[in-house]
Amino acid sequence: MKELSYVIINPYTLYKSRTGGIISRLLSRTTLDLVGAIMFAPSQSLAEEYAESIGSRGDMEDREIQALIRQYVREHYAPDPVTGRRNRCMVLLLEGEEAVRRTREAVGPIKRHSLRGETIRDTYGDLIYNRDGSVRYFEPAVLAPPTVEEAAAQLRILARYADEDAGMVSQVVPTFGQPGHERTVVIIKPDNFRFPSARPGNVIDMFSRTGLAITGIKVHRMSVAEAEEFYAPVREVLRERLQAPTGQKVRQLAESALGIQIPPELEKELGRLLGPLVGENQFESIVRFMTGLDPKSCSPTERTRPGTEKCIVLVYEGLEAIRKVREVLGPTDPAKAPPGSIRREFGQNIMVNAAHASDSVQSAERELKIVRIWENDFKNLIAQYYAGS
């Protein structure tokens, strides 16, 4: 029977840019379906209510560990008591058979002196004791429910606070409002989700080299209408740039097939006539790749429905965000991307190239309006799952 589980990536884990590594572990080790994601900036009341929900009888953690987690949530999830600044955390929703158990196994328990690195908490969490037995340092890295019942109760709590405490959390970034602060839209493309793997997390991990903050995230299935609007600037570029190579290709084919010589002026005219058609075909291929749907065969109603391909939309913010992200991403053509860039490591060709990133502040704002990252299915997914219960 399918279950809905969740993992919360803690504020400190986000701050240390360990997000991608954790997502890699979750997706590759659980093989569950990532169905939702959202950023939270918890209020005092959310932190308190969530903390109180921790500690079910079915939890394998002992009572001491449960108490440590409750204290941790109150101290690190709630707003700073002096400045009032809120902290960021990321909630991931995972669905599948025995999702709660499989998620918990990947996350792992909190153990003393765990040095093996088998689980997420082994690698990213810490529990250090003083010689007298008191706790010196505690960082659980992530939070995950131990039982189906606790998952349901805690997801309902998060859903109730989602409208006020979740969505875009730009205000919590220290550079927000400063000169040079920018936001950029990043899309982890469908080629990273062909089968359960660490790839989406690995791509996010490489973006962490920018030192920027993730302020928005959602799992998205782009509609044909959205894809056409999103990539509209590319459409005209393709129609223009493909004229010369199209004319050259047609000339070569005609001369080979017909045994005639085609003068340069006719080659140019052939490119002018046929280039836009080739460009339009390339554009339709992009839309089909991003949505899983053929734009030519979609009815007006189907064009606005979510496509069949999944992607992750993220917003990164910080000083010079546009430049920093694009440097890590690399140029559009993976063959021309430098070693160590995302597109060189994960891209296949100009279209199947792992990720998208805004090329200017103006493009980022335009793209943000199209993908509407603030319109998140998080609450609806939870409501649908527990309808009638």
Protein backbone atom coordinates (compact mmCIF):
# COMPACT_ATOMS: atom_id res chain seq x y z
CA MET A 1 0.00 0.00 0.00
CA LYS A 2 1.30 3.42 -0.93
CA GLU A 3 2.17 5.88 1.83
CA LEU A 4 3.10 9.54 1.98
CA SER A 5 6.22 10.35 3.95
CA TYR A 6 8.36 13.44 4.35
CA VAL A 7 11.84 14.62 5.20
CA ILE A 8 12.67 18.07 6.57
CA ILE A 9 16.15 19.34 5.78
CA ASN A 10 17.19 21.33 8.84
CA PRO A 11 18.19 25.02 8.77
CA TYR A 12 21.85 24.28 9.59
CA THR A 13 22.02 21.59 6.90
CA LEU A 14 20.68 24.06 4.35
CA TYR A 15 23.10 26.72 5.56
CA LYS A 16 26.02 24.33 5.07
CA SER A 17 24.82 23.52 1.50
CA ARG A 18 24.37 19.81 2.19
CA THR A 19 20.96 19.79 0.52
CA GLY A 20 22.00 18.11 -2.73
CA GLY A 21 23.85 15.29 -1.01
CA ILE A 22 20.84 14.51 1.15
CA ILE A 23 18.43 14.55 -1.81
CA SER A 24 20.81 12.22 -3.68
CA ARG A 25 20.77 9.75 -0.80
CA LEU A 26 16.99 9.90 -0.43
CA LEU A 27 16.13 9.38 -4.10
CA SER A 28 18.73 6.72 -4.85
CA ARG A 29 18.36 4.69 -1.64
CA THR A 30 14.59 4.78 -1.20
CA THR A 31 13.61 4.81 -4.94
CA LEU A 32 10.46 6.61 -3.77
CA ASP A 33 8.71 9.18 -5.94
CA LEU A 34 9.46 12.78 -5.01
CA VAL A 35 5.98 14.30 -5.35
CA GLY A 36 6.33 17.63 -3.56
CA ALA A 37 8.79 20.12 -2.11
CA ILE A 38 8.44 23.49 -0.39
CA MET A 39 10.48 25.96 1.66
CA PHE A 40 9.37 26.88 5.17
CA ALA A 41 10.38 29.79 7.40
CA PRO A 42 8.71 28.50 10.58
CA SER A 43 6.96 30.79 13.02
CA GLN A 44 7.29 30.33 16.77
CA SER A 45 3.90 28.63 16.93
CA LEU A 46 4.74 26.16 14.16
CA ALA A 47 8.04 25.26 15.84
CA GLU A 48 6.27 24.71 19.15
CA GLU A 49 3.44 22.63 17.73
CA TYR A 50 5.74 20.48 15.63
CA ALA A 51 8.07 19.93 18.60
CA GLU A 52 5.15 18.77 20.73
CA SER A 53 4.20 16.18 18.08
CA ILE A 54 7.56 14.40 18.33
CA GLY A 55 7.72 11.23 20.38
CA SER A 56 5.47 8.35 19.38
CA ARG A 57 5.50 4.96 21.08
CA GLY A 58 6.49 3.35 17.81
CA ASP A 59 9.66 5.43 17.52
CA MET A 60 12.84 3.38 17.81
CA GLU A 61 14.66 6.39 19.26
CA ASP A 62 14.89 6.38 23.03
CA ARG A 63 13.20 9.04 25.13
CA GLU A 64 16.45 10.97 25.56
CA ILE A 65 16.86 11.35 21.79
CA GLN A 66 13.22 12.36 21.37
CA ALA A 67 13.70 15.05 24.02
CA LEU A 68 16.85 16.28 22.24
CA ILE A 69 14.94 16.56 18.94
CA ARG A 70 12.09 18.48 20.56
CA GLN A 71 14.58 20.89 22.12
CA TYR A 72 16.43 21.18 18.82
CA VAL A 73 13.26 22.13 16.93
CA ARG A 74 12.35 24.79 19.51
CA GLU A 75 15.82 26.32 19.38
CA HIS A 76 16.70 26.06 15.69
CA TYR A 77 13.39 26.16 13.82
CA ALA A 78 11.83 29.08 15.69
CA PRO A 79 12.74 32.68 14.79
CA ASP A 80 15.82 34.22 16.41
CA PRO A 81 14.66 35.55 19.80
CA VAL A 82 16.81 38.69 19.45
CA THR A 83 16.48 39.72 15.79
CA GLY A 84 13.22 37.96 14.94
CA ARG A 85 14.82 36.62 11.75
CA ARG A 86 13.31 33.32 10.68
CA ASN A 87 15.23 30.23 9.64
CA ARG A 88 14.86 28.28 6.40
CA CYS A 89 14.03 24.60 6.17
CA MET A 90 13.02 22.45 3.21
CA VAL A 91 10.21 19.87 3.27
CA LEU A 92 10.26 17.01 0.76
CA LEU A 93 7.24 14.76 0.18
CA LEU A 94 7.94 11.17 -0.87
CA GLU A 95 5.37 8.62 -1.99
CA GLY A 96 5.50 4.89 -2.50
CA GLU A 97 5.14 1.47 -0.96
CA GLU A 98 6.13 1.57 2.72
CA ALA A 99 7.35 5.13 2.22
CA VAL A 100 7.66 5.91 5.93
CA ARG A 101 9.81 2.87 6.70
CA ARG A 102 12.01 3.30 3.64
CA THR A 103 12.49 7.00 4.29
CA ARG A 104 13.38 6.36 7.91
CA GLU A 105 15.89 3.67 6.93
CA ALA A 106 17.65 6.06 4.55
CA VAL A 107 17.68 8.81 7.18
CA GLY A 108 18.82 6.48 9.92
CA PRO A 109 18.59 6.67 13.70
CA ILE A 110 20.62 9.02 15.86
CA LYS A 111 23.42 7.03 17.45
CA ARG A 112 26.41 7.74 19.65
CA HIS A 113 29.79 7.53 17.96
CA SER A 114 28.44 6.63 14.50
CA LEU A 115 31.44 6.74 12.17
CA ARG A 116 30.38 4.49 9.29
CA GLY A 117 28.44 6.90 7.08
CA GLU A 118 25.79 4.36 6.09
CA THR A 119 22.79 6.68 6.55
CA ILE A 120 22.09 10.35 6.05
CA ARG A 121 22.46 11.03 9.76
CA ASP A 122 25.66 8.98 9.93
CA THR A 123 27.13 11.30 7.31
CA TYR A 124 25.59 14.68 8.05
CA GLY A 125 24.41 14.49 11.67
CA ASP A 126 26.29 14.66 14.96
CA LEU A 127 25.69 13.68 18.56
CA ILE A 128 28.72 14.40 20.73
CA TYR A 129 28.83 13.81 24.48
CA ASN A 130 31.06 15.23 27.16
CA ARG A 131 32.92 12.84 29.45
CA ASP A 132 30.33 13.37 32.17
CA GLY A 133 27.58 12.11 29.86
CA SER A 134 26.07 15.49 29.04
CA VAL A 135 25.46 16.46 25.40
CA ARG A 136 28.11 18.75 23.97
CA TYR A 137 26.69 19.09 20.43
CA PHE A 138 23.62 17.80 18.63
CA GLU A 139 22.68 18.18 14.97
CA PRO A 140 20.24 15.62 13.50
CA ALA A 141 20.68 16.97 9.91
CA VAL A 142 17.13 16.05 8.88
CA LEU A 143 13.83 15.10 10.48
CA ALA A 144 11.63 12.22 9.33
CA PRO A 145 8.60 10.50 10.86
CA PRO A 146 9.12 7.12 12.57
CA THR A 147 5.59 5.82 11.98
CA VAL A 148 2.72 6.22 9.53
CA GLU A 149 0.59 7.75 12.29
CA GLU A 150 3.20 10.36 13.19
CA ALA A 151 3.75 11.16 9.51
CA ALA A 152 0.03 11.87 9.07
CA ALA A 153 -0.18 14.03 12.21
CA GLN A 154 2.90 16.06 11.39
CA LEU A 155 2.02 16.54 7.73
CA ARG A 156 -1.34 17.93 8.80
CA ILE A 157 0.46 20.40 11.08
CA LEU A 158 2.74 21.52 8.22
CA ALA A 159 -0.23 21.86 5.87
CA ARG A 160 -2.09 24.12 8.32
CA TYR A 161 0.87 26.50 8.51
CA ALA A 162 1.83 26.35 4.83
CA ASP A 163 -0.10 29.45 3.74
CA GLU A 164 1.63 31.70 6.28
CA ASP A 165 5.00 30.05 6.90
CA ALA A 166 5.91 28.49 3.54
CA GLY A 167 6.59 29.48 -0.07
CA MET A 168 9.21 32.01 -1.10
CA VAL A 169 11.43 32.84 1.89
CA SER A 170 13.58 35.61 0.42
CA GLN A 171 13.42 37.80 3.52
CA VAL A 172 15.48 35.35 5.59
CA VAL A 173 18.56 35.69 3.35
CA PRO A 174 21.10 38.03 5.00
CA THR A 175 21.84 39.89 1.74
CA PHE A 176 18.17 40.50 0.91
CA GLY A 177 17.69 44.18 0.06
CA GLN A 178 21.41 44.88 -0.33
CA PRO A 179 22.94 46.22 -3.57
CA GLY A 180 23.89 43.32 -5.84
CA HIS A 181 21.38 40.89 -4.33
CA GLU A 182 19.72 38.89 -7.10
CA ARG A 183 17.42 35.92 -7.54
CA THR A 184 17.62 33.38 -10.32
CA VAL A 185 15.37 30.55 -11.48
CA VAL A 186 16.91 27.10 -11.86
CA ILE A 187 15.11 24.10 -13.35
CA ILE A 188 16.42 20.58 -12.84
CA LYS A 189 15.22 19.18 -16.16
CA PRO A 190 13.24 15.98 -16.89
CA ASP A 191 16.30 14.05 -18.12
CA ASN A 192 17.35 13.77 -14.45
CA PHE A 193 14.16 11.87 -13.56
CA ARG A 194 14.09 9.08 -16.15
CA PHE A 195 14.61 6.56 -13.34
CA PRO A 196 15.27 6.81 -9.59
CA SER A 197 18.82 8.04 -9.16
CA ALA A 198 21.10 10.44 -7.33
CA ARG A 199 21.29 12.76 -10.35
CA PRO A 200 18.83 15.49 -9.26
CA GLY A 201 20.60 15.78 -5.92
CA ASN A 202 24.02 15.70 -7.55
CA VAL A 203 23.07 18.63 -9.79
CA ILE A 204 21.77 20.59 -6.78
CA ASP A 205 24.96 19.73 -4.91
CA MET A 206 27.05 21.27 -7.69
CA PHE A 207 24.96 24.45 -7.54
CA SER A 208 25.86 24.65 -3.84
CA ARG A 209 29.35 25.76 -4.90
CA THR A 210 27.84 29.19 -5.56
CA GLY A 211 27.26 29.80 -1.85
CA LEU A 212 23.76 31.07 -2.67
CA ALA A 213 20.62 30.35 -0.64
CA ILE A 214 17.67 28.32 -1.89
CA THR A 215 14.58 30.42 -1.19
CA GLY A 216 11.98 28.57 -3.23
CA ILE A 217 11.40 25.03 -4.47
CA LYS A 218 8.63 22.95 -5.96
CA VAL A 219 8.16 19.76 -7.93
CA HIS A 220 6.57 20.84 -11.20
CA ARG A 221 5.08 19.31 -14.33
CA MET A 222 5.21 22.01 -16.97
CA SER A 223 2.22 22.40 -19.28
CA VAL A 224 2.58 22.98 -23.01
CA ALA A 225 1.34 26.57 -22.59
CA GLU A 226 3.91 27.23 -19.87
CA ALA A 227 6.74 25.68 -21.89
CA GLU A 228 5.90 27.72 -24.97
CA GLU A 229 5.80 30.92 -22.93
CA PHE A 230 8.92 30.03 -20.94
CA TYR A 231 11.01 29.27 -24.03
CA ALA A 232 9.46 31.95 -26.27
CA PRO A 233 12.73 33.93 -26.53
CA VAL A 234 14.46 30.77 -27.81
CA ARG A 235 11.85 30.35 -30.55
CA GLU A 236 12.87 33.42 -32.53
CA VAL A 237 16.56 32.74 -31.98
CA LEU A 238 16.17 29.25 -33.46
CA ARG A 239 14.20 30.53 -36.45
CA GLU A 240 16.96 33.06 -37.18
CA ARG A 241 20.09 31.07 -36.38
CA LEU A 242 19.09 27.95 -38.27
CA GLN A 243 18.66 29.72 -41.60
CA ALA A 244 22.33 29.55 -42.64
CA PRO A 245 22.98 25.91 -41.61
CA THR A 246 19.65 24.85 -43.12
CA GLY A 247 20.48 26.48 -46.46
CA GLN A 248 23.89 24.83 -46.46
CA LYS A 249 22.43 21.40 -45.64
CA VAL A 250 19.73 21.67 -48.32
CA ARG A 251 22.32 22.73 -50.89
CA GLN A 252 24.53 19.72 -50.06
CA LEU A 253 21.61 17.29 -50.23
CA ALA A 254 20.31 18.73 -53.51
CA GLU A 255 23.70 18.74 -55.17
CA SER A 256 24.33 15.16 -54.06
CA ALA A 257 20.90 13.91 -55.13
CA LEU A 258 20.47 15.88 -58.34
CA GLY A 259 24.06 16.32 -59.48
CA ILE A 260 23.69 20.08 -59.90
CA GLN A 261 25.54 23.12 -58.61
CA ILE A 262 23.54 25.56 -56.47
CA PRO A 263 24.87 29.14 -56.38
CA PRO A 264 25.45 30.91 -53.00
CA GLU A 265 22.51 33.29 -53.46
CA LEU A 266 20.10 30.36 -53.93
CA GLU A 267 21.56 28.61 -50.86
CA LYS A 268 20.82 31.75 -48.87
CA GLU A 269 17.25 31.91 -50.20
CA LEU A 270 16.68 28.24 -49.34
CA GLY A 271 17.85 28.97 -45.81
CA ARG A 272 15.53 31.97 -45.55
CA LEU A 273 12.56 29.87 -46.66
CA LEU A 274 13.24 26.65 -44.75
CA GLY A 275 15.25 27.82 -41.75
CA PRO A 276 12.21 29.05 -39.80
CA LEU A 277 10.49 25.68 -40.35
CA VAL A 278 13.50 23.83 -38.98
CA GLY A 279 13.67 26.27 -36.08
CA GLU A 280 10.01 25.71 -35.31
CA ASN A 281 10.57 21.96 -35.35
CA GLN A 282 13.44 22.35 -32.88
CA PHE A 283 11.29 24.52 -30.65
CA GLU A 284 8.53 21.92 -30.63
CA SER A 285 11.12 19.31 -29.62
CA ILE A 286 12.06 21.45 -26.61
CA VAL A 287 8.42 21.77 -25.57
CA ARG A 288 7.92 18.01 -26.00
CA PHE A 289 11.05 17.28 -23.95
CA MET A 290 9.97 19.56 -21.08
CA THR A 291 6.32 18.45 -20.99
CA GLY A 292 6.17 14.95 -22.45
CA LEU A 293 3.37 16.14 -24.76
CA ASP A 294 3.27 16.89 -28.49
CA PRO A 295 2.20 20.54 -28.83
CA LYS A 296 0.77 19.87 -32.30
CA SER A 297 -1.71 17.28 -31.05
CA CYS A 298 -2.85 19.04 -27.84
CA SER A 299 -6.34 20.51 -27.62
CA PRO A 300 -6.73 23.98 -26.05
CA THR A 301 -7.70 22.34 -22.75
CA GLU A 302 -4.80 19.86 -22.82
CA ARG A 303 -2.33 22.67 -23.45
CA THR A 304 -2.96 24.13 -19.99
CA ARG A 305 -2.86 20.84 -18.07
CA PRO A 306 0.30 19.65 -16.28
CA GLY A 307 2.53 17.60 -18.55
CA THR A 308 3.80 14.09 -17.92
CA GLU A 309 7.44 15.03 -17.30
CA LYS A 310 8.70 16.04 -13.86
CA CYS A 311 11.21 18.73 -13.00
CA ILE A 312 12.32 20.61 -9.89
CA VAL A 313 12.07 24.39 -9.92
CA LEU A 314 14.35 26.24 -7.51
CA VAL A 315 15.02 29.88 -6.73
CA TYR A 316 18.53 30.80 -5.63
CA GLU A 317 19.28 34.18 -4.06
CA GLY A 318 22.33 36.14 -3.02
CA LEU A 319 24.93 38.54 -4.35
CA GLU A 320 25.50 38.18 -8.13
CA ALA A 321 23.27 35.12 -8.22
CA ILE A 322 22.82 35.18 -12.02
CA ARG A 323 26.55 35.06 -12.81
CA LYS A 324 27.44 32.54 -10.11
CA VAL A 325 24.79 30.03 -11.13
CA ARG A 326 25.53 30.26 -14.84
CA GLU A 327 29.26 29.79 -14.25
CA VAL A 328 28.61 26.53 -12.43
CA LEU A 329 26.01 25.45 -14.99
CA GLY A 330 28.16 26.00 -18.09
CA PRO A 331 27.16 26.95 -21.66
CA THR A 332 24.12 25.51 -23.42
CA ASP A 333 26.12 23.00 -25.47
CA PRO A 334 27.62 20.38 -23.11
CA ALA A 335 30.41 19.73 -25.62
CA LYS A 336 31.58 23.32 -25.11
CA ALA A 337 31.12 23.35 -21.34
CA PRO A 338 34.28 23.39 -19.20
CA PRO A 339 35.23 20.38 -17.06
CA GLY A 340 33.55 20.43 -13.68
CA SER A 341 30.47 22.28 -14.91
CA ILE A 342 27.01 20.76 -14.56
CA ARG A 343 26.32 20.53 -18.28
CA ARG A 344 29.71 18.94 -18.98
CA GLU A 345 29.11 16.35 -16.26
CA PHE A 346 25.42 15.60 -16.87
CA GLY A 347 24.40 17.06 -20.25
CA GLN A 348 24.01 15.10 -23.48
CA ASN A 349 23.25 17.74 -26.10
CA ILE A 350 21.95 21.29 -26.47
CA MET A 351 18.42 20.29 -25.45
CA VAL A 352 19.08 17.46 -22.98
CA ASN A 353 21.53 19.45 -20.86
CA ALA A 354 20.57 18.75 -17.23
CA ALA A 355 19.40 22.17 -16.05
CA HIS A 356 18.23 25.65 -16.95
CA ALA A 357 19.22 28.92 -15.30
CA SER A 358 18.07 32.48 -15.92
CA ASP A 359 20.45 34.57 -18.02
CA SER A 360 19.54 37.96 -16.51
CA VAL A 361 17.63 39.55 -13.66
CA GLN A 362 14.86 40.46 -16.09
CA SER A 363 14.65 36.87 -17.39
CA ALA A 364 14.49 35.55 -13.84
CA GLU A 365 11.50 37.73 -13.01
CA ARG A 366 9.75 36.76 -16.26
CA GLU A 367 10.40 33.05 -15.67
CA LEU A 368 9.32 33.25 -12.05
CA LYS A 369 5.93 34.56 -13.12
CA ILE A 370 5.52 31.66 -15.54
CA VAL A 371 6.43 28.80 -13.18
CA ARG A 372 4.70 30.54 -10.24
CA ILE A 373 6.76 28.90 -7.56
CA TRP A 374 4.47 30.35 -4.91
CA GLU A 375 1.64 28.18 -6.30
CA ASN A 376 2.63 24.91 -4.66
CA ASP A 377 0.67 21.65 -4.52
CA PHE A 378 2.04 20.89 -1.05
CA LYS A 379 -1.22 21.44 0.84
CA ASN A 380 -3.36 19.78 -1.82
CA LEU A 381 -1.17 16.67 -1.88
CA ILE A 382 -1.55 16.25 1.87
CA ALA A 383 -5.28 17.01 1.80
CA GLN A 384 -5.89 14.51 -0.99
CA TYR A 385 -3.90 11.83 0.77
CA TYR A 386 -5.76 12.10 4.04
CA ALA A 387 -9.20 12.97 2.71
CA GLY A 388 -11.87 11.35 4.81
CA SER A 389 -9.47 10.27 7.55
